[in-house]
Amino acid sequence: MTAEKLDGGGKQVSREKCYRCSLCDKTFKQKHYLKVHRLVHSGERPFSCTLCGHNFQVKATLKRHLLSHQPEGEFKCVACGLTFFRKEYLRQHEMKHAGIKPHCCQQCGRCFIQKSCLKVHQAIHSGERNHMCDLCGQTFTYAFTLTSHMSTHTGHKPHHCGKCGKTFSQKGTFNRHMLVHTVFYLNNFYSNITKLNVLAIPPNLNHD
């Protein structure tokens, strides 16, 4: 008799396939494959192309997509010159220039270029939290939020501030920290501008 293991939903799975999806009962030999599979149910596409905004479920697909931006792509954007291997990518890219977002949320009115992005957004309204931390049981709406949460258990702090050297486990905390440097920079900038303006005023006008 093979040894069995309880998954997050309390279902027993044999040792050969020890990770089971609680939504569709598919089983996987490695936990990583289960996490990737769950993206199918959530509609989440956390990997985004910085050139055209197209989103993907896995990083490998994003890497393959980036090849479509090579100079020899036959579909060219007349607005910015970017080229694409696929016409569908060009069309989505052109929507960004035109500000067209055809997929809208009926609950809050927010609109998206891609239908997959709308599905990810709708999870906020539905309250679905299908991503669970195996260490503490806390659940999350998105896989990337769970990944960020896991760093609180491991102590891993991947976000490094180049200004002061501080490190942070979560990107949101890192972004809030960077505002401190931004405000400090702007205060100094406007302070220096004011000083320059005062110096530029002729001395005889300073004592009116």
Protein backbone atom coordinates (compact mmCIF):
# COMPACT_ATOMS: atom_id res chain seq x y z
CA MET A 1 0.00 0.00 0.00
CA THR A 2 1.45 3.33 -0.97
CA ALA A 3 1.89 6.04 1.63
CA GLU A 4 -0.59 8.88 1.39
CA LYS A 5 -0.49 12.56 2.19
CA LEU A 6 -3.26 15.07 3.00
CA ASP A 7 -3.42 18.06 0.69
CA GLY A 8 -4.69 21.56 1.53
CA GLY A 9 -8.28 20.46 0.99
CA GLY A 10 -7.97 17.40 3.23
CA LYS A 11 -7.92 14.91 0.36
CA GLN A 12 -5.60 11.91 0.42
CA VAL A 13 -3.17 11.61 -2.45
CA SER A 14 -0.68 8.81 -3.11
CA ARG A 15 3.05 9.43 -2.76
CA GLU A 16 3.55 9.16 -6.54
CA LYS A 17 1.34 12.23 -7.08
CA CYS A 18 1.23 14.05 -3.78
CA TYR A 19 -0.13 17.47 -4.79
CA ARG A 20 -3.79 17.70 -5.76
CA CYS A 21 -5.78 20.67 -7.00
CA SER A 22 -8.77 21.19 -4.71
CA LEU A 23 -10.75 22.75 -7.57
CA CYS A 24 -10.54 20.05 -10.25
CA ASP A 25 -8.81 17.06 -8.55
CA LYS A 26 -5.85 16.99 -10.94
CA THR A 27 -2.68 15.69 -9.27
CA PHE A 28 0.96 16.67 -9.70
CA LYS A 29 4.30 15.21 -8.65
CA GLN A 30 5.78 18.59 -7.74
CA LYS A 31 4.28 21.50 -5.85
CA HIS A 32 5.58 23.97 -8.43
CA TYR A 33 3.44 22.37 -11.14
CA LEU A 34 0.38 22.64 -8.93
CA LYS A 35 1.00 26.37 -8.40
CA VAL A 36 1.31 26.91 -12.15
CA HIS A 37 -1.85 24.87 -12.72
CA ARG A 38 -3.85 26.98 -10.26
CA LEU A 39 -3.30 29.99 -12.50
CA VAL A 40 -5.69 28.33 -14.96
CA HIS A 41 -8.49 28.60 -12.39
CA SER A 42 -7.66 32.10 -11.14
CA GLY A 43 -6.98 33.55 -14.59
CA GLU A 44 -3.96 35.28 -13.10
CA ARG A 45 -1.15 36.28 -15.46
CA PRO A 46 1.59 37.73 -13.23
CA PHE A 47 4.32 38.00 -15.89
CA SER A 48 3.95 41.14 -17.99
CA CYS A 49 5.81 42.24 -21.11
CA THR A 50 7.23 45.72 -20.50
CA LEU A 51 7.17 46.46 -24.22
CA CYS A 52 3.54 45.79 -25.11
CA GLY A 53 1.77 45.02 -21.82
CA HIS A 54 0.77 41.47 -22.78
CA ASN A 55 0.49 39.24 -19.68
CA PHE A 56 1.39 35.58 -19.21
CA GLN A 57 0.83 32.85 -16.63
CA VAL A 58 4.40 31.51 -16.65
CA LYS A 59 7.78 33.17 -17.13
CA ALA A 60 8.85 30.77 -19.90
CA THR A 61 5.92 31.89 -22.06
CA LEU A 62 6.89 35.52 -21.50
CA LYS A 63 10.44 34.75 -22.66
CA ARG A 64 9.13 33.17 -25.85
CA HIS A 65 6.84 36.14 -26.40
CA LEU A 66 9.75 38.59 -26.11
CA LEU A 67 11.13 37.08 -29.30
CA SER A 68 8.17 38.65 -31.08
CA HIS A 69 9.71 42.06 -30.45
CA GLN A 70 12.86 41.27 -32.42
CA PRO A 71 13.59 43.72 -35.29
CA GLU A 72 12.57 41.19 -37.96
CA GLY A 73 8.94 41.01 -36.78
CA GLU A 74 6.70 41.75 -39.78
CA PHE A 75 3.88 43.53 -37.90
CA LYS A 76 4.99 47.07 -37.05
CA CYS A 77 3.31 49.65 -34.85
CA VAL A 78 3.03 52.92 -36.79
CA ALA A 79 2.88 54.92 -33.55
CA CYS A 80 6.15 53.83 -31.91
CA GLY A 81 7.92 51.48 -34.33
CA LEU A 82 7.80 48.31 -32.22
CA THR A 83 7.52 45.15 -34.29
CA PHE A 84 5.69 41.89 -33.57
CA PHE A 85 5.67 38.38 -34.99
CA ARG A 86 1.94 38.00 -34.36
CA LYS A 87 -0.78 40.35 -35.53
CA GLU A 88 -2.81 39.75 -32.36
CA TYR A 89 0.06 41.14 -30.25
CA LEU A 90 0.22 44.22 -32.47
CA ARG A 91 -3.52 44.78 -32.08
CA GLN A 92 -3.31 44.59 -28.29
CA HIS A 93 -0.33 46.92 -28.34
CA GLU A 94 -2.21 49.43 -30.51
CA MET A 95 -5.05 49.41 -27.99
CA LYS A 96 -2.64 50.83 -25.42
CA HIS A 97 -1.86 53.77 -27.71
CA ALA A 98 -5.56 54.35 -28.42
CA GLY A 99 -6.61 53.91 -24.80
CA ILE A 100 -9.09 51.18 -25.78
CA LYS A 101 -10.04 48.83 -22.94
CA PRO A 102 -12.93 46.65 -24.15
CA HIS A 103 -13.20 44.30 -21.16
CA CYS A 104 -14.98 46.04 -18.28
CA CYS A 105 -15.95 44.91 -14.79
CA GLN A 106 -19.72 45.14 -14.33
CA GLN A 107 -19.34 45.63 -10.59
CA CYS A 108 -16.96 48.60 -10.45
CA GLY A 109 -16.57 49.77 -14.05
CA ARG A 110 -12.82 49.27 -14.27
CA CYS A 111 -11.74 48.26 -17.79
CA PHE A 112 -8.86 46.21 -19.19
CA ILE A 113 -7.25 45.54 -22.56
CA GLN A 114 -7.11 41.79 -22.00
CA LYS A 115 -9.97 39.56 -20.87
CA SER A 116 -7.55 37.55 -18.72
CA CYS A 117 -6.71 40.69 -16.72
CA LEU A 118 -10.41 41.27 -16.11
CA LYS A 119 -10.77 37.72 -14.75
CA VAL A 120 -7.90 38.31 -12.33
CA HIS A 121 -9.48 41.58 -11.21
CA GLN A 122 -12.90 39.97 -10.65
CA ALA A 123 -11.39 37.71 -8.00
CA ILE A 124 -11.30 40.80 -5.77
CA HIS A 125 -15.09 41.10 -5.92
CA SER A 126 -15.80 37.38 -5.61
CA GLY A 127 -13.67 37.05 -2.49
CA GLU A 128 -11.93 33.94 -3.83
CA ARG A 129 -8.75 33.13 -1.92
CA ASN A 130 -7.45 29.95 -3.53
CA HIS A 131 -3.79 30.43 -2.67
CA MET A 132 -2.96 29.10 0.80
CA CYS A 133 0.27 29.28 2.78
CA ASP A 134 1.29 25.76 3.79
CA LEU A 135 3.09 27.09 6.87
CA CYS A 136 0.42 29.20 8.56
CA GLY A 137 -2.79 28.51 6.64
CA GLN A 138 -3.37 32.11 5.58
CA THR A 139 -5.11 32.41 2.20
CA PHE A 140 -4.67 34.94 -0.60
CA THR A 141 -6.47 36.04 -3.75
CA TYR A 142 -3.36 36.05 -5.93
CA ALA A 143 -0.36 33.73 -6.21
CA PHE A 144 2.10 36.63 -6.25
CA THR A 145 0.66 37.85 -2.93
CA LEU A 146 1.28 34.40 -1.46
CA THR A 147 4.84 34.46 -2.81
CA SER A 148 5.42 37.81 -1.13
CA HIS A 149 3.89 36.50 2.11
CA MET A 150 6.19 33.45 2.15
CA SER A 151 9.17 35.75 2.64
CA THR A 152 7.82 36.57 6.12
CA HIS A 153 8.50 32.93 7.02
CA THR A 154 11.83 32.52 5.23
CA GLY A 155 13.30 35.92 6.07
CA HIS A 156 14.17 36.46 2.40
CA LYS A 157 14.32 40.18 1.50
CA PRO A 158 14.76 40.52 -2.26
CA HIS A 159 13.89 44.21 -2.55
CA HIS A 160 16.99 46.36 -2.02
CA CYS A 161 17.06 50.15 -1.74
CA GLY A 162 19.95 51.57 -3.73
CA LYS A 163 19.79 54.84 -1.79
CA CYS A 164 20.30 53.67 1.79
CA GLY A 165 20.91 49.92 1.58
CA LYS A 166 17.77 48.81 3.42
CA THR A 167 16.16 45.56 2.30
CA PHE A 168 12.50 44.54 2.32
CA SER A 169 10.61 41.27 2.00
CA GLN A 170 7.55 42.77 0.32
CA LYS A 171 7.44 45.03 -2.72
CA GLY A 172 4.66 47.19 -1.28
CA THR A 173 6.74 48.03 1.79
CA PHE A 174 9.73 48.74 -0.45
CA ASN A 175 7.67 51.12 -2.61
CA ARG A 176 6.43 53.00 0.46
CA HIS A 177 10.00 53.29 1.69
CA MET A 178 11.15 54.74 -1.65
CA LEU A 179 8.62 57.55 -1.23
CA VAL A 180 10.72 58.77 1.71
CA HIS A 181 13.68 59.30 -0.61
CA THR A 182 11.45 60.87 -3.27
CA VAL A 183 9.96 63.40 -0.85
CA PHE A 184 13.42 64.21 0.52
CA TYR A 185 14.75 64.75 -3.01
CA LEU A 186 11.84 66.99 -4.00
CA ASN A 187 12.15 69.07 -0.83
CA ASN A 188 15.84 69.65 -1.53
CA PHE A 189 15.14 70.37 -5.20
CA TYR A 190 12.51 73.03 -4.51
CA SER A 191 14.59 74.47 -1.68
CA ASN A 192 17.53 74.93 -4.04
CA ILE A 193 15.26 76.46 -6.71
CA THR A 194 13.99 78.99 -4.15
CA LYS A 195 17.55 79.90 -3.15
CA LEU A 196 18.54 80.37 -6.79
CA ASN A 197 15.53 82.63 -7.38
CA VAL A 198 16.45 84.78 -4.39
CA LEU A 199 20.06 85.08 -5.59
CA ALA A 200 18.82 86.06 -9.04
CA ILE A 201 16.89 89.07 -7.69
CA PRO A 202 18.94 92.31 -7.91
CA PRO A 203 20.09 93.48 -4.44
CA ASN A 204 18.26 96.82 -4.72
CA LEU A 205 14.93 94.96 -5.13
CA ASN A 206 15.41 92.84 -2.02
CA HIS A 207 14.94 95.80 0.33
CA ASP A 208 11.79 97.41 -1.09
